[in-house]
C-alpha cells in the first residue's frame, strides 16, 4: 500500500513541480488555476501515462536519467564555477579563493560520483 501511495502522490506532484518550473522560467506569474499552468501540468502527466502505456519499463527511464545526471552535473558545476568567478557578472561578489577551493573539491567529488553512477548503470563496476 505504501509503494502504491508513493507512486500516486509522485504522479501528481512531479507534473505539478514541472508546471511551477515552467511558470518560473517563462516568467508567467500564473496561478494554479490559470490555463497555461494547468496545460503544462497535464501535458507532463499525460507524457508519463503515454510512456507507461507503450510498455516502456520505468527502470530504463530511471537509468537514462541517472546517466544524464552523471554526465550533466559535472559540466553544469564547472560552468557555474566559471560564471561565479567573472567580475563582469558578479562584480565584488565573485568567489573568494576559499570558495573556489571548496567548489573544486565538490566538483571533483561530483565527477567521481557521476562516473561511479555511469559505470554502475553499464555494469562496469
PDB file of N, CA and C in Angstrom:
ATOM      1  N   UNK A   1       0.832  -1.193   0.000  1.00  0.00           N
ATOM      2  CA  UNK A   1       0.000   0.000   0.000  1.00  0.00           C
ATOM      3  C   UNK A   1       0.873   1.251   0.000  1.00  0.00           C
ATOM      4  N   UNK A   2       1.970   1.214   0.763  1.00  0.00           N
ATOM      5  CA  UNK A   2       2.851   2.376   0.840  1.00  0.00           C
ATOM      6  C   UNK A   2       3.476   2.720  -0.496  1.00  0.00           C
ATOM      7  N   UNK A   3       3.917   1.692  -1.229  1.00  0.00           N
ATOM      8  CA  UNK A   3       4.525   1.919  -2.539  1.00  0.00           C
ATOM      9  C   UNK A   3       3.495   2.485  -3.519  1.00  0.00           C
ATOM     10  N   UNK A   4       2.276   1.962  -3.461  1.00  0.00           N
ATOM     11  CA  UNK A   4       1.202   2.470  -4.317  1.00  0.00           C
ATOM     12  C   UNK A   4       0.915   3.939  -4.005  1.00  0.00           C
ATOM     13  N   UNK A   5       0.826   4.262  -2.718  1.00  0.00           N
ATOM     14  CA  UNK A   5       0.559   5.648  -2.307  1.00  0.00           C
ATOM     15  C   UNK A   5       1.692   6.571  -2.748  1.00  0.00           C
ATOM     16  N   UNK A   6       2.936   6.098  -2.632  1.00  0.00           N
ATOM     17  CA  UNK A   6       4.080   6.907  -3.066  1.00  0.00           C
ATOM     18  C   UNK A   6       4.016   7.160  -4.567  1.00  0.00           C
ATOM     19  N   UNK A   7       3.644   6.144  -5.332  1.00  0.00           N
ATOM     20  CA  UNK A   7       3.531   6.294  -6.782  1.00  0.00           C
ATOM     21  C   UNK A   7       2.447   7.273  -7.188  1.00  0.00           C
ATOM     22  N   UNK A   8       1.306   7.175  -6.533  1.00  0.00           N
ATOM     23  CA  UNK A   8       0.194   8.077  -6.856  1.00  0.00           C
ATOM     24  C   UNK A   8       0.549   9.525  -6.518  1.00  0.00           C
ATOM     25  N   UNK A   9       1.117   9.738  -5.332  1.00  0.00           N
ATOM     26  CA  UNK A   9       1.451  11.112  -4.946  1.00  0.00           C
ATOM     27  C   UNK A   9       2.553  11.681  -5.831  1.00  0.00           C
ATOM     28  N   UNK A  10       3.499  10.847  -6.241  1.00  0.00           N
ATOM     29  CA  UNK A  10       4.558  11.319  -7.139  1.00  0.00           C
ATOM     30  C   UNK A  10       4.004  11.637  -8.518  1.00  0.00           C
ATOM     31  N   UNK A  11       3.048  10.848  -8.972  1.00  0.00           N
ATOM     32  CA  UNK A  11       2.452  11.073 -10.291  1.00  0.00           C
ATOM     33  C   UNK A  11       1.721  12.408 -10.351  1.00  0.00           C
ATOM     34  N   UNK A  12       1.283  12.890  -9.211  1.00  0.00           N
ATOM     35  CA  UNK A  12       0.584  14.177  -9.172  1.00  0.00           C
ATOM     36  C   UNK A  12       1.568  15.317  -8.937  1.00  0.00           C
ATOM     37  N   UNK A  13       2.487  15.141  -7.988  1.00  0.00           N
ATOM     38  CA  UNK A  13       3.359  16.252  -7.597  1.00  0.00           C
ATOM     39  C   UNK A  13       4.490  16.517  -8.584  1.00  0.00           C
ATOM     40  N   UNK A  14       5.005  15.497  -9.268  1.00  0.00           N
ATOM     41  CA  UNK A  14       6.091  15.732 -10.227  1.00  0.00           C
ATOM     42  C   UNK A  14       5.627  16.616 -11.393  1.00  0.00           C
ATOM     43  N   UNK A  15       4.479  16.337 -12.017  1.00  0.00           N
ATOM     44  CA  UNK A  15       3.994  17.263 -13.052  1.00  0.00           C
ATOM     45  C   UNK A  15       3.672  18.651 -12.498  1.00  0.00           C
ATOM     46  N   UNK A  16       3.179  18.707 -11.268  1.00  0.00           N
ATOM     47  CA  UNK A  16       2.907  19.998 -10.639  1.00  0.00           C
ATOM     48  C   UNK A  16       4.204  20.787 -10.480  1.00  0.00           C
ATOM     49  N   UNK A  17       5.269  20.100 -10.054  1.00  0.00           N
ATOM     50  CA  UNK A  17       6.572  20.757  -9.916  1.00  0.00           C
ATOM     51  C   UNK A  17       7.068  21.250 -11.274  1.00  0.00           C
ATOM     52  N   UNK A  18       6.857  20.452 -12.323  1.00  0.00           N
ATOM     53  CA  UNK A  18       7.258  20.873 -13.671  1.00  0.00           C
ATOM     54  C   UNK A  18       6.494  22.123 -14.102  1.00  0.00           C
ATOM     55  N   UNK A  19       5.229  22.201 -13.744  1.00  0.00           N
ATOM     56  CA  UNK A  19       4.433  23.387 -14.076  1.00  0.00           C
ATOM     57  C   UNK A  19       4.957  24.615 -13.334  1.00  0.00           C
ATOM     58  N   UNK A  20       5.351  24.432 -12.076  1.00  0.00           N
ATOM     59  CA  UNK A  20       5.928  25.552 -11.325  1.00  0.00           C
ATOM     60  C   UNK A  20       7.255  26.006 -11.946  1.00  0.00           C
ATOM     61  N   UNK A  21       8.068  25.050 -12.399  1.00  0.00           N
ATOM     62  CA  UNK A  21       9.342  25.392 -13.041  1.00  0.00           C
ATOM     63  C   UNK A  21       9.084  26.161 -14.336  1.00  0.00           C
ATOM     64  N   UNK A  22       8.155  25.677 -15.150  1.00  0.00           N
ATOM     65  CA  UNK A  22       7.825  26.380 -16.397  1.00  0.00           C
ATOM     66  C   UNK A  22       7.301  27.782 -16.093  1.00  0.00           C
ATOM     67  N   UNK A  23       6.478  27.886 -15.074  1.00  0.00           N
ATOM     68  CA  UNK A  23       5.930  29.177 -14.658  1.00  0.00           C
ATOM     69  C   UNK A  23       7.055  30.148 -14.316  1.00  0.00           C
ATOM     70  N   UNK A  24       8.032  29.658 -13.593  1.00  0.00           N
ATOM     71  CA  UNK A  24       9.166  30.494 -13.175  1.00  0.00           C
ATOM     72  C   UNK A  24      10.071  30.834 -14.352  1.00  0.00           C
ATOM     73  N   UNK A  25      10.406  29.821 -15.151  1.00  0.00           N
ATOM     74  CA  UNK A  25      11.344  30.023 -16.260  1.00  0.00           C
ATOM     75  C   UNK A  25      10.799  30.987 -17.307  1.00  0.00           C
ATOM     76  N   UNK A  26       9.519  30.895 -17.576  1.00  0.00           N
ATOM     77  CA  UNK A  26       8.924  31.744 -18.599  1.00  0.00           C
ATOM     78  C   UNK A  26       8.376  33.050 -18.045  1.00  0.00           C
ATOM     79  N   UNK A  27       8.491  33.253 -16.732  1.00  0.00           N
ATOM     80  CA  UNK A  27       8.046  34.490 -16.112  1.00  0.00           C
ATOM     81  C   UNK A  27       6.550  34.738 -16.236  1.00  0.00           C
ATOM     82  N   UNK A  28       5.769  33.665 -16.175  1.00  0.00           N
ATOM     83  CA  UNK A  28       4.330  33.794 -16.364  1.00  0.00           C
ATOM     84  C   UNK A  28       3.615  34.424 -15.178  1.00  0.00           C
ATOM     85  N   UNK A  29       4.086  34.200 -13.982  1.00  0.00           N
ATOM     86  CA  UNK A  29       3.379  34.621 -12.761  1.00  0.00           C
ATOM     87  C   UNK A  29       1.953  34.078 -12.743  1.00  0.00           C
ATOM     88  N   UNK A  30       1.795  32.869 -13.267  1.00  0.00           N
ATOM     89  CA  UNK A  30       0.477  32.239 -13.332  1.00  0.00           C
ATOM     90  C   UNK A  30       0.153  31.567 -12.001  1.00  0.00           C
ATOM     91  N   UNK A  31      -1.126  31.496 -11.711  1.00  0.00           N
ATOM     92  CA  UNK A  31      -1.599  30.782 -10.525  1.00  0.00           C
ATOM     93  C   UNK A  31      -1.946  29.357 -10.928  1.00  0.00           C
ATOM     94  N   UNK A  32      -2.167  28.512  -9.941  1.00  0.00           N
ATOM     95  CA  UNK A  32      -2.501  27.115 -10.210  1.00  0.00           C
ATOM     96  C   UNK A  32      -3.776  27.007 -11.047  1.00  0.00           C
ATOM     97  N   UNK A  33      -4.639  27.965 -10.943  1.00  0.00           N
ATOM     98  CA  UNK A  33      -5.909  27.917 -11.681  1.00  0.00           C
ATOM     99  C   UNK A  33      -5.803  28.441 -13.112  1.00  0.00           C
ATOM    100  N   UNK A  34      -4.681  29.064 -13.479  1.00  0.00           N
ATOM    101  CA  UNK A  34      -4.519  29.611 -14.832  1.00  0.00           C
ATOM    102  C   UNK A  34      -4.358  28.497 -15.863  1.00  0.00           C
ATOM    103  N   UNK A  35      -4.821  28.764 -17.074  1.00  0.00           N
ATOM    104  CA  UNK A  35      -4.815  27.766 -18.141  1.00  0.00           C
ATOM    105  C   UNK A  35      -3.403  27.300 -18.491  1.00  0.00           C
ATOM    106  N   UNK A  36      -2.457  28.232 -18.647  1.00  0.00           N
ATOM    107  CA  UNK A  36      -1.080  27.855 -19.009  1.00  0.00           C
ATOM    108  C   UNK A  36      -0.502  26.877 -17.998  1.00  0.00           C
ATOM    109  N   UNK A  37      -0.695  27.204 -16.733  1.00  0.00           N
ATOM    110  CA  UNK A  37      -0.176  26.373 -15.650  1.00  0.00           C
ATOM    111  C   UNK A  37      -0.765  24.965 -15.738  1.00  0.00           C
ATOM    112  N   UNK A  38      -2.072  24.884 -15.897  1.00  0.00           N
ATOM    113  CA  UNK A  38      -2.745  23.583 -15.947  1.00  0.00           C
ATOM    114  C   UNK A  38      -2.377  22.795 -17.204  1.00  0.00           C
ATOM    115  N   UNK A  39      -2.154  23.491 -18.318  1.00  0.00           N
ATOM    116  CA  UNK A  39      -1.764  22.799 -19.552  1.00  0.00           C
ATOM    117  C   UNK A  39      -0.409  22.124 -19.368  1.00  0.00           C
ATOM    118  N   UNK A  40       0.552  22.844 -18.810  1.00  0.00           N
ATOM    119  CA  UNK A  40       1.873  22.245 -18.571  1.00  0.00           C
ATOM    120  C   UNK A  40       1.736  21.054 -17.632  1.00  0.00           C
ATOM    121  N   UNK A  41       0.985  21.227 -16.579  1.00  0.00           N
ATOM    122  CA  UNK A  41       0.771  20.170 -15.594  1.00  0.00           C
ATOM    123  C   UNK A  41       0.195  18.917 -16.266  1.00  0.00           C
ATOM    124  N   UNK A  42      -0.840  19.094 -17.081  1.00  0.00           N
ATOM    125  CA  UNK A  42      -1.497  17.958 -17.729  1.00  0.00           C
ATOM    126  C   UNK A  42      -0.622  17.328 -18.814  1.00  0.00           C
ATOM    127  N   UNK A  43       0.119  18.149 -19.566  1.00  0.00           N
ATOM    128  CA  UNK A  43       0.998  17.606 -20.607  1.00  0.00           C
ATOM    129  C   UNK A  43       2.049  16.691 -19.984  1.00  0.00           C
ATOM    130  N   UNK A  44       2.666  17.136 -18.901  1.00  0.00           N
ATOM    131  CA  UNK A  44       3.678  16.306 -18.236  1.00  0.00           C
ATOM    132  C   UNK A  44       3.037  15.033 -17.689  1.00  0.00           C
ATOM    133  N   UNK A  45       1.867  15.149 -17.114  1.00  0.00           N
ATOM    134  CA  UNK A  45       1.161  13.985 -16.583  1.00  0.00           C
ATOM    135  C   UNK A  45       0.841  12.991 -17.697  1.00  0.00           C
ATOM    136  N   UNK A  46       0.338  13.490 -18.831  1.00  0.00           N
ATOM    137  CA  UNK A  46      -0.016  12.604 -19.936  1.00  0.00           C
ATOM    138  C   UNK A  46       1.207  11.990 -20.609  1.00  0.00           C
ATOM    139  N   UNK A  47       2.333  12.688 -20.626  1.00  0.00           N
ATOM    140  CA  UNK A  47       3.565  12.089 -21.160  1.00  0.00           C
ATOM    141  C   UNK A  47       3.923  10.853 -20.341  1.00  0.00           C
ATOM    142  N   UNK A  48       3.796  10.961 -19.027  1.00  0.00           N
ATOM    143  CA  UNK A  48       4.052   9.809 -18.161  1.00  0.00           C
ATOM    144  C   UNK A  48       3.085   8.670 -18.412  1.00  0.00           C
ATOM    145  N   UNK A  49       1.816   8.989 -18.555  1.00  0.00           N
ATOM    146  CA  UNK A  49       0.796   7.964 -18.801  1.00  0.00           C
ATOM    147  C   UNK A  49       1.033   7.287 -20.147  1.00  0.00           C
ATOM    148  N   UNK A  50       1.309   8.075 -21.174  1.00  0.00           N
ATOM    149  CA  UNK A  50       1.535   7.524 -22.511  1.00  0.00           C
ATOM    150  C   UNK A  50       2.792   6.659 -22.531  1.00  0.00           C
ATOM    151  N   UNK A  51       3.844   7.130 -21.869  1.00  0.00           N
ATOM    152  CA  UNK A  51       5.088   6.361 -21.818  1.00  0.00           C
ATOM    153  C   UNK A  51       4.849   4.990 -21.205  1.00  0.00           C
ATOM    154  N   UNK A  52       4.136   4.949 -20.110  1.00  0.00           N
ATOM    155  CA  UNK A  52       3.862   3.668 -19.459  1.00  0.00           C
ATOM    156  C   UNK A  52       2.868   2.828 -20.255  1.00  0.00           C
ATOM    157  N   UNK A  53       1.997   3.456 -21.021  1.00  0.00           N
ATOM    158  CA  UNK A  53       1.011   2.724 -21.819  1.00  0.00           C
ATOM    159  C   UNK A  53       1.668   1.934 -22.945  1.00  0.00           C
ATOM    160  N   UNK A  54       2.805   2.405 -23.435  1.00  0.00           N
ATOM    161  CA  UNK A  54       3.501   1.708 -24.511  1.00  0.00           C
ATOM    162  C   UNK A  54       4.441   0.628 -24.002  1.00  0.00           C
ATOM    163  N   UNK A  55       4.407   0.379 -22.719  1.00  0.00           N
ATOM    164  CA  UNK A  55       5.188  -0.717 -22.154  1.00  0.00           C
ATOM    165  C   UNK A  55       6.654  -0.409 -21.938  1.00  0.00           C
ATOM    166  N   UNK A  56       7.016   0.849 -21.968  1.00  0.00           N
ATOM    167  CA  UNK A  56       8.402   1.211 -21.683  1.00  0.00           C
ATOM    168  C   UNK A  56       8.638   1.002 -20.196  1.00  0.00           C
ATOM    169  N   UNK A  57       9.667   0.250 -19.875  1.00  0.00           N
ATOM    170  CA  UNK A  57       9.941  -0.064 -18.471  1.00  0.00           C
ATOM    171  C   UNK A  57      10.480   1.167 -17.749  1.00  0.00           C
ATOM    172  N   UNK A  58       9.938   1.464 -16.577  1.00  0.00           N
ATOM    173  CA  UNK A  58      10.404   2.627 -15.813  1.00  0.00           C
ATOM    174  C   UNK A  58      11.882   2.539 -15.440  1.00  0.00           C
ATOM    175  N   UNK A  59      12.398   1.328 -15.262  1.00  0.00           N
ATOM    176  CA  UNK A  59      13.809   1.160 -14.898  1.00  0.00           C
ATOM    177  C   UNK A  59      14.709   1.734 -15.985  1.00  0.00           C
ATOM    178  N   UNK A  60      14.344   1.535 -17.238  1.00  0.00           N
ATOM    179  CA  UNK A  60      15.134   2.060 -18.357  1.00  0.00           C
ATOM    180  C   UNK A  60      15.152   3.587 -18.308  1.00  0.00           C
ATOM    181  N   UNK A  61      14.011   4.185 -18.017  1.00  0.00           N
ATOM    182  CA  UNK A  61      13.931   5.645 -17.931  1.00  0.00           C
ATOM    183  C   UNK A  61      14.759   6.153 -16.758  1.00  0.00           C
ATOM    184  N   UNK A  62      14.677   5.458 -15.632  1.00  0.00           N
ATOM    185  CA  UNK A  62      15.451   5.850 -14.448  1.00  0.00           C
ATOM    186  C   UNK A  62      16.944   5.740 -14.736  1.00  0.00           C
ATOM    187  N   UNK A  63      17.362   4.671 -15.420  1.00  0.00           N
ATOM    188  CA  UNK A  63      18.775   4.519 -15.764  1.00  0.00           C
ATOM    189  C   UNK A  63      19.228   5.622 -16.715  1.00  0.00           C
ATOM    190  N   UNK A  64      18.392   5.965 -17.678  1.00  0.00           N
ATOM    191  CA  UNK A  64      18.727   7.057 -18.592  1.00  0.00           C
ATOM    192  C   UNK A  64      18.911   8.358 -17.821  1.00  0.00           C
ATOM    193  N   UNK A  65      17.996   8.633 -16.894  1.00  0.00           N
ATOM    194  CA  UNK A  65      18.096   9.851 -16.081  1.00  0.00           C
ATOM    195  C   UNK A  65      19.360   9.834 -15.231  1.00  0.00           C
ATOM    196  N   UNK A  66      19.719   8.668 -14.717  1.00  0.00           N
ATOM    197  CA  UNK A  66      20.925   8.544 -13.901  1.00  0.00           C
ATOM    198  C   UNK A  66      22.174   8.843 -14.732  1.00  0.00           C
ATOM    199  N   UNK A  67      22.235   8.315 -15.934  1.00  0.00           N
ATOM    200  CA  UNK A  67      23.375   8.580 -16.815  1.00  0.00           C
ATOM    201  C   UNK A  67      23.406  10.057 -17.208  1.00  0.00           C
ATOM    202  N   UNK A  68      22.244  10.619 -17.535  1.00  0.00           N
ATOM    203  CA  UNK A  68      22.186  12.039 -17.899  1.00  0.00           C
ATOM    204  C   UNK A  68      22.670  12.910 -16.746  1.00  0.00           C
ATOM    205  N   UNK A  69      22.240  12.598 -15.528  1.00  0.00           N
ATOM    206  CA  UNK A  69      22.702  13.355 -14.361  1.00  0.00           C
ATOM    207  C   UNK A  69      24.198  13.192 -14.158  1.00  0.00           C
ATOM    208  N   UNK A  70      24.694  11.979 -14.336  1.00  0.00           N
ATOM    209  CA  UNK A  70      26.123  11.731 -14.170  1.00  0.00           C
ATOM    210  C   UNK A  70      26.970  12.500 -15.168  1.00  0.00           C
ATOM    211  N   UNK A  71      26.431  12.720 -16.360  1.00  0.00           N
ATOM    212  CA  UNK A  71      27.161  13.474 -17.380  1.00  0.00           C
ATOM    213  C   UNK A  71      26.988  14.984 -17.236  1.00  0.00           C
ATOM    214  N   UNK A  72      25.768  15.416 -16.961  1.00  0.00           N
ATOM    215  CA  UNK A  72      25.473  16.849 -16.972  1.00  0.00           C
ATOM    216  C   UNK A  72      25.887  17.584 -15.704  1.00  0.00           C
ATOM    217  N   UNK A  73      25.756  16.949 -14.547  1.00  0.00           N
ATOM    218  CA  UNK A  73      26.039  17.650 -13.294  1.00  0.00           C
ATOM    219  C   UNK A  73      27.467  18.187 -13.221  1.00  0.00           C
ATOM    220  N   UNK A  74      28.498  17.409 -13.564  1.00  0.00           N
ATOM    221  CA  UNK A  74      29.852  17.982 -13.533  1.00  0.00           C
ATOM    222  C   UNK A  74      30.031  19.131 -14.526  1.00  0.00           C
ATOM    223  N   UNK A  75      29.443  19.004 -15.697  1.00  0.00           N
ATOM    224  CA  UNK A  75      29.564  20.064 -16.705  1.00  0.00           C
ATOM    225  C   UNK A  75      28.901  21.345 -16.213  1.00  0.00           C
ATOM    226  N   UNK A  76      27.706  21.219 -15.674  1.00  0.00           N
ATOM    227  CA  UNK A  76      26.996  22.392 -15.149  1.00  0.00           C
ATOM    228  C   UNK A  76      27.758  22.998 -13.977  1.00  0.00           C
ATOM    229  N   UNK A  77      28.318  22.146 -13.118  1.00  0.00           N
ATOM    230  CA  UNK A  77      29.107  22.642 -11.987  1.00  0.00           C
ATOM    231  C   UNK A  77      30.319  23.437 -12.437  1.00  0.00           C
ATOM    232  N   UNK A  78      31.012  22.955 -13.450  1.00  0.00           N
ATOM    233  CA  UNK A  78      32.190  23.659 -13.970  1.00  0.00           C
ATOM    234  C   UNK A  78      31.777  25.000 -14.581  1.00  0.00           C
ATOM    235  N   UNK A  79      30.676  25.007 -15.319  1.00  0.00           N
ATOM    236  CA  UNK A  79      30.187  26.264 -15.898  1.00  0.00           C
ATOM    237  C   UNK A  79      29.827  27.253 -14.794  1.00  0.00           C
ATOM    238  N   UNK A  80      29.184  26.770 -13.731  1.00  0.00           N
ATOM    239  CA  UNK A  80      28.830  27.654 -12.616  1.00  0.00           C
ATOM    240  C   UNK A  80      30.065  28.240 -11.945  1.00  0.00           C
ATOM    241  N   UNK A  81      31.096  27.415 -11.740  1.00  0.00           N
ATOM    242  CA  UNK A  81      32.336  27.927 -11.141  1.00  0.00           C
ATOM    243  C   UNK A  81      32.934  29.015 -12.029  1.00  0.00           C
ATOM    244  N   UNK A  82      32.914  28.785 -13.322  1.00  0.00           N
ATOM    245  CA  UNK A  82      33.451  29.775 -14.256  1.00  0.00           C
ATOM    246  C   UNK A  82      32.662  31.082 -14.167  1.00  0.00           C
ATOM    247  N   UNK A  83      31.335  30.977 -14.109  1.00  0.00           N
ATOM    248  CA  UNK A  83      30.496  32.181 -14.070  1.00  0.00           C
ATOM    249  C   UNK A  83      30.673  32.946 -12.767  1.00  0.00           C
ATOM    250  N   UNK A  84      30.720  32.239 -11.623  1.00  0.00           N
ATOM    251  CA  UNK A  84      30.812  32.946 -10.338  1.00  0.00           C
ATOM    252  C   UNK A  84      32.190  33.543 -10.100  1.00  0.00           C
ATOM    253  N   UNK A  85      33.129  33.294 -10.990  1.00  0.00           N
ATOM    254  CA  UNK A  85      34.449  33.903 -10.882  1.00  0.00           C
ATOM    255  C   UNK A  85      34.640  35.065 -11.845  1.00  0.00           C
ATOM    256  N   UNK A  86      33.606  35.399 -12.592  1.00  0.00           N
ATOM    257  CA  UNK A  86      33.692  36.517 -13.530  1.00  0.00           C
ATOM    258  C   UNK A  86      33.246  37.798 -12.833  1.00  0.00           C
ATOM    259  N   UNK A  87      34.150  38.729 -12.714  1.00  0.00           N
ATOM    260  CA  UNK A  87      33.815  40.021 -12.108  1.00  0.00           C
ATOM    261  C   UNK A  87      32.796  40.773 -12.960  1.00  0.00           C
ATOM    262  N   UNK A  88      32.801  40.522 -14.266  1.00  0.00           N
ATOM    263  CA  UNK A  88      31.840  41.202 -15.140  1.00  0.00           C
ATOM    264  C   UNK A  88      30.404  40.748 -14.869  1.00  0.00           C
ATOM    265  N   UNK A  89      30.254  39.579 -14.269  1.00  0.00           N
ATOM    266  CA  UNK A  89      28.923  39.069 -13.954  1.00  0.00           C
ATOM    267  C   UNK A  89      28.532  39.412 -12.522  1.00  0.00           C
ATOM    268  N   UNK A  90      29.430  39.164 -11.575  1.00  0.00           N
ATOM    269  CA  UNK A  90      29.093  39.323 -10.160  1.00  0.00           C
ATOM    270  C   UNK A  90      29.773  40.498  -9.476  1.00  0.00           C
ATOM    271  N   UNK A  91      30.653  41.193 -10.182  1.00  0.00           N
ATOM    272  CA  UNK A  91      31.316  42.351  -9.585  1.00  0.00           C
ATOM    273  C   UNK A  91      32.102  41.983  -8.339  1.00  0.00           C
ATOM    274  N   UNK A  92      31.865  42.699  -7.253  1.00  0.00           N
ATOM    275  CA  UNK A  92      32.579  42.449  -5.995  1.00  0.00           C
ATOM    276  C   UNK A  92      32.135  41.171  -5.292  1.00  0.00           C
ATOM    277  N   UNK A  93      31.095  40.538  -5.778  1.00  0.00           N
ATOM    278  CA  UNK A  93      30.565  39.342  -5.130  1.00  0.00           C
ATOM    279  C   UNK A  93      31.105  38.050  -5.731  1.00  0.00           C
ATOM    280  N   UNK A  94      32.115  38.149  -6.589  1.00  0.00           N
ATOM    281  CA  UNK A  94      32.661  36.924  -7.177  1.00  0.00           C
ATOM    282  C   UNK A  94      33.309  36.072  -6.090  1.00  0.00           C
ATOM    283  N   UNK A  95      33.556  34.816  -6.403  1.00  0.00           N
ATOM    284  CA  UNK A  95      34.077  33.860  -5.424  1.00  0.00           C
ATOM    285  C   UNK A  95      35.437  34.258  -4.871  1.00  0.00           C
ATOM    286  N   UNK A  96      35.638  33.922  -3.600  1.00  0.00           N
ATOM    287  CA  UNK A  96      36.953  34.079  -2.978  1.00  0.00           C
ATOM    288  C   UNK A  96      37.770  32.819  -3.265  1.00  0.00           C
ATOM    289  N   UNK A  97      39.034  32.839  -2.899  1.00  0.00           N
ATOM    290  CA  UNK A  97      39.898  31.677  -3.122  1.00  0.00           C
ATOM    291  C   UNK A  97      39.385  30.457  -2.362  1.00  0.00           C
ATOM    292  N   UNK A  98      38.883  30.661  -1.131  1.00  0.00           N
ATOM    293  CA  UNK A  98      38.385  29.537  -0.331  1.00  0.00           C
ATOM    294  C   UNK A  98      37.094  28.970  -0.910  1.00  0.00           C
ATOM    295  N   UNK A  99      36.271  29.819  -1.448  1.00  0.00           N
ATOM    296  CA  UNK A  99      35.055  29.341  -2.106  1.00  0.00           C
ATOM    297  C   UNK A  99      35.407  28.537  -3.357  1.00  0.00           C
ATOM    298  N   UNK A 100      36.430  28.985  -4.079  1.00  0.00           N
ATOM    299  CA  UNK A 100      36.868  28.243  -5.263  1.00  0.00           C
ATOM    300  C   UNK A 100      37.462  26.895  -4.895  1.00  0.00           C
ATOM    301  N   UNK A 101      38.255  26.854  -3.833  1.00  0.00           N
ATOM    302  CA  UNK A 101      38.830  25.579  -3.383  1.00  0.00           C
ATOM    303  C   UNK A 101      37.708  24.620  -3.004  1.00  0.00           C
ATOM    304  N   UNK A 102      36.727  25.119  -2.251  1.00  0.00           N
ATOM    305  CA  UNK A 102      35.580  24.286  -1.866  1.00  0.00           C
ATOM    306  C   UNK A 102      34.820  23.806  -3.097  1.00  0.00           C
ATOM    307  N   UNK A 103      34.598  24.703  -4.039  1.00  0.00           N
ATOM    308  CA  UNK A 103      33.857  24.349  -5.249  1.00  0.00           C
ATOM    309  C   UNK A 103      34.604  23.305  -6.068  1.00  0.00           C
ATOM    310  N   UNK A 104      35.916  23.429  -6.168  1.00  0.00           N
ATOM    311  CA  UNK A 104      36.706  22.461  -6.930  1.00  0.00           C
ATOM    312  C   UNK A 104      36.660  21.092  -6.266  1.00  0.00           C
ATOM    313  N   UNK A 105      36.744  21.059  -4.940  1.00  0.00           N
ATOM    314  CA  UNK A 105      36.639  19.784  -4.219  1.00  0.00           C
ATOM    315  C   UNK A 105      35.277  19.144  -4.485  1.00  0.00           C
ATOM    316  N   UNK A 106      34.232  19.951  -4.442  1.00  0.00           N
ATOM    317  CA  UNK A 106      32.883  19.435  -4.693  1.00  0.00           C
ATOM    318  C   UNK A 106      32.751  18.938  -6.130  1.00  0.00           C
ATOM    319  N   UNK A 107      33.302  19.668  -7.088  1.00  0.00           N
ATOM    320  CA  UNK A 107      33.238  19.244  -8.491  1.00  0.00           C
ATOM    321  C   UNK A 107      33.971  17.923  -8.685  1.00  0.00           C
ATOM    322  N   UNK A 108      35.133  17.773  -8.054  1.00  0.00           N
ATOM    323  CA  UNK A 108      35.868  16.504  -8.148  1.00  0.00           C
ATOM    324  C   UNK A 108      35.025  15.372  -7.577  1.00  0.00           C
ATOM    325  N   UNK A 109      34.395  15.619  -6.432  1.00  0.00           N
ATOM    326  CA  UNK A 109      33.526  14.615  -5.823  1.00  0.00           C
ATOM    327  C   UNK A 109      32.351  14.278  -6.744  1.00  0.00           C
ATOM    328  N   UNK A 110      31.763  15.290  -7.360  1.00  0.00           N
ATOM    329  CA  UNK A 110      30.641  15.075  -8.278  1.00  0.00           C
ATOM    330  C   UNK A 110      31.092  14.269  -9.497  1.00  0.00           C
ATOM    331  N   UNK A 111      32.279  14.543 -10.010  1.00  0.00           N
ATOM    332  CA  UNK A 111      32.801  13.790 -11.157  1.00  0.00           C
ATOM    333  C   UNK A 111      33.001  12.327 -10.782  1.00  0.00           C
ATOM    334  N   UNK A 112      33.574  12.083  -9.603  1.00  0.00           N
ATOM    335  CA  UNK A 112      33.788  10.701  -9.145  1.00  0.00           C
ATOM    336  C   UNK A 112      32.448   9.985  -8.981  1.00  0.00           C
ATOM    337  N   UNK A 113      31.491  10.640  -8.316  1.00  0.00           N
ATOM    338  CA  UNK A 113      30.180  10.018  -8.108  1.00  0.00           C
ATOM    339  C   UNK A 113      29.430   9.829  -9.429  1.00  0.00           C
ATOM    340  N   UNK A 114      29.550  10.796 -10.342  1.00  0.00           N
ATOM    341  CA  UNK A 114      28.917  10.666 -11.651  1.00  0.00           C
ATOM    342  C   UNK A 114      29.502   9.511 -12.447  1.00  0.00           C
ATOM    343  N   UNK A 115      30.822   9.381 -12.426  1.00  0.00           N
ATOM    344  CA  UNK A 115      31.478   8.267 -13.116  1.00  0.00           C
ATOM    345  C   UNK A 115      31.046   6.937 -12.507  1.00  0.00           C
ATOM    346  N   UNK A 116      30.988   6.887 -11.179  1.00  0.00           N
ATOM    347  CA  UNK A 116      30.547   5.664 -10.495  1.00  0.00           C
ATOM    348  C   UNK A 116      29.123   5.312 -10.905  1.00  0.00           C
ATOM    349  N   UNK A 117      28.265   6.317 -10.977  1.00  0.00           N
ATOM    350  CA  UNK A 117      26.875   6.105 -11.367  1.00  0.00           C
ATOM    351  C   UNK A 117      26.785   5.551 -12.792  1.00  0.00           C
ATOM    352  N   UNK A 118      27.530   6.145 -13.703  1.00  0.00           N
ATOM    353  CA  UNK A 118      27.507   5.695 -15.095  1.00  0.00           C
ATOM    354  C   UNK A 118      28.076   4.288 -15.213  1.00  0.00           C
ATOM    355  N   UNK A 119      29.186   4.032 -14.545  1.00  0.00           N
ATOM    356  CA  UNK A 119      29.787   2.700 -14.595  1.00  0.00           C
ATOM    357  C   UNK A 119      28.856   1.648 -14.004  1.00  0.00           C
ATOM    358  N   UNK A 120      28.140   2.004 -12.948  1.00  0.00           N
ATOM    359  CA  UNK A 120      27.214   1.062 -12.325  1.00  0.00           C
ATOM    360  C   UNK A 120      26.057   0.733 -13.267  1.00  0.00           C
ATOM    361  N   UNK A 121      25.519   1.738 -13.937  1.00  0.00           N
ATOM    362  CA  UNK A 121      24.406   1.508 -14.865  1.00  0.00           C
ATOM    363  C   UNK A 121      24.825   0.567 -15.986  1.00  0.00           C
ATOM    364  N   UNK A 122      26.040   0.734 -16.491  1.00  0.00           N
ATOM    365  CA  UNK A 122      26.506  -0.109 -17.586  1.00  0.00           C
ATOM    366  C   UNK A 122      27.178  -1.390 -17.114  1.00  0.00           C
ATOM    367  N   UNK A 123      27.181  -1.632 -15.805  1.00  0.00           N
ATOM    368  CA  UNK A 123      27.722  -2.868 -15.260  1.00  0.00           C
ATOM    369  C   UNK A 123      29.228  -2.970 -15.323  1.00  0.00           C
ATOM    370  N   UNK A 124      29.919  -1.841 -15.371  1.00  0.00           N
ATOM    371  CA  UNK A 124      31.380  -1.856 -15.446  1.00  0.00           C
ATOM    372  C   UNK A 124      31.984  -2.058 -14.070  1.00  0.00           C
ATOM    373  N   UNK A 125      31.337  -1.539 -13.031  1.00  0.00           N
ATOM    374  CA  UNK A 125      31.853  -1.708 -11.663  1.00  0.00           C
ATOM    375  C   UNK A 125      31.224  -2.892 -10.989  1.00  0.00           C
TER     376      UNK A 125
END
